[in-house]
Amino acid sequence: MNKQRRKQLREIADKLADLNADLESLKDEEQEAYDNLPESLQDGERGQTMNEIIDTLDTAFYSLEETICSITEAIEH
């Protein structure tokens, strides 16, 4: 891989890392909102929906993290 493509990949990885940090922040905010719900609401439909959203955001975070690692690995070869 030439220098130009490596540079472009680094820029993409950096942008993805920034977006992943934003995604993690939003997930943490949703988790905090869930944690602050009364227990009766946590066990209800609203709480279940929030929990599913948190799980989905967590999955997205780790998927993006894996993508960033793959790009970094490509750069290093």
Protein backbone atom coordinates (compact mmCIF):
# COMPACT_ATOMS: atom_id res chain seq x y z
CA MET A 1 0.00 0.00 0.00
CA ASN A 2 1.37 3.38 -0.90
CA LYS A 3 1.83 6.31 1.45
CA GLN A 4 -1.23 8.21 0.15
CA ARG A 5 -3.65 5.32 0.76
CA ARG A 6 -2.16 4.72 4.23
CA LYS A 7 -2.74 8.39 5.03
CA GLN A 8 -6.33 8.17 3.82
CA LEU A 9 -6.92 5.07 5.94
CA ARG A 10 -5.46 6.80 9.02
CA GLU A 11 -7.83 9.73 8.46
CA ILE A 12 -10.79 7.36 8.14
CA ALA A 13 -9.76 5.47 11.29
CA ASP A 14 -9.43 8.77 13.18
CA LYS A 15 -12.88 9.92 12.07
CA LEU A 16 -14.39 6.58 13.03
CA ALA A 17 -12.70 6.77 16.44
CA ASP A 18 -14.25 10.20 17.01
CA LEU A 19 -17.67 8.92 15.97
CA ASN A 20 -17.24 5.90 18.21
CA ALA A 21 -16.49 8.15 21.17
CA ASP A 22 -19.71 10.05 20.43
CA LEU A 23 -21.60 6.77 20.18
CA GLU A 24 -20.23 5.62 23.52
CA SER A 25 -21.25 8.92 25.11
CA LEU A 26 -24.81 8.55 23.86
CA LYS A 27 -24.94 4.96 25.11
CA ASP A 28 -23.69 6.10 28.52
CA GLU A 29 -26.32 8.85 28.63
CA GLU A 30 -29.05 6.34 27.81
CA GLN A 31 -27.70 3.98 30.48
CA GLU A 32 -27.73 6.79 33.02
CA ALA A 33 -31.30 7.69 32.07
CA TYR A 34 -32.29 4.05 32.50
CA ASP A 35 -30.50 3.80 35.84
CA ASN A 36 -32.36 6.89 37.07
CA LEU A 37 -35.78 5.43 36.25
CA PRO A 38 -37.82 4.11 39.14
CA GLU A 39 -37.57 0.34 39.36
CA SER A 40 -41.21 -0.06 38.36
CA LEU A 41 -40.47 1.72 35.03
CA GLN A 42 -37.23 -0.19 34.51
CA ASP A 43 -39.22 -3.43 34.63
CA GLY A 44 -41.91 -2.11 32.29
CA GLU A 45 -42.10 -1.67 28.55
CA ARG A 46 -40.23 1.65 28.61
CA GLY A 47 -37.34 0.13 30.56
CA GLN A 48 -37.18 -2.89 28.29
CA THR A 49 -37.06 -0.63 25.23
CA MET A 50 -34.29 1.46 26.77
CA ASN A 51 -32.35 -1.70 27.64
CA GLU A 52 -32.64 -2.93 24.05
CA ILE A 53 -31.40 0.42 22.78
CA ILE A 54 -28.45 0.31 25.17
CA ASP A 55 -27.58 -3.22 24.02
CA THR A 56 -27.85 -2.19 20.37
CA LEU A 57 -25.63 0.85 20.90
CA ASP A 58 -23.13 -1.33 22.74
CA THR A 59 -23.05 -3.77 19.85
CA ALA A 60 -22.58 -0.90 17.39
CA PHE A 61 -19.74 0.47 19.51
CA TYR A 62 -17.85 -2.81 19.55
CA SER A 63 -18.49 -3.40 15.85
CA LEU A 64 -17.06 0.00 15.03
CA GLU A 65 -14.14 -0.66 17.36
CA GLU A 66 -13.46 -3.86 15.44
CA THR A 67 -13.62 -1.96 12.15
CA ILE A 68 -11.09 0.58 13.42
CA CYS A 69 -8.77 -2.26 14.46
CA SER A 70 -9.10 -3.86 11.02
CA ILE A 71 -8.23 -0.59 9.31
CA THR A 72 -5.24 -0.12 11.62
CA GLU A 73 -4.08 -3.63 10.82
CA ALA A 74 -4.33 -2.88 7.10
CA ILE A 75 -2.24 0.26 7.58
CA GLU A 76 0.48 -1.69 9.41
CA HIS A 77 0.90 -4.30 6.69
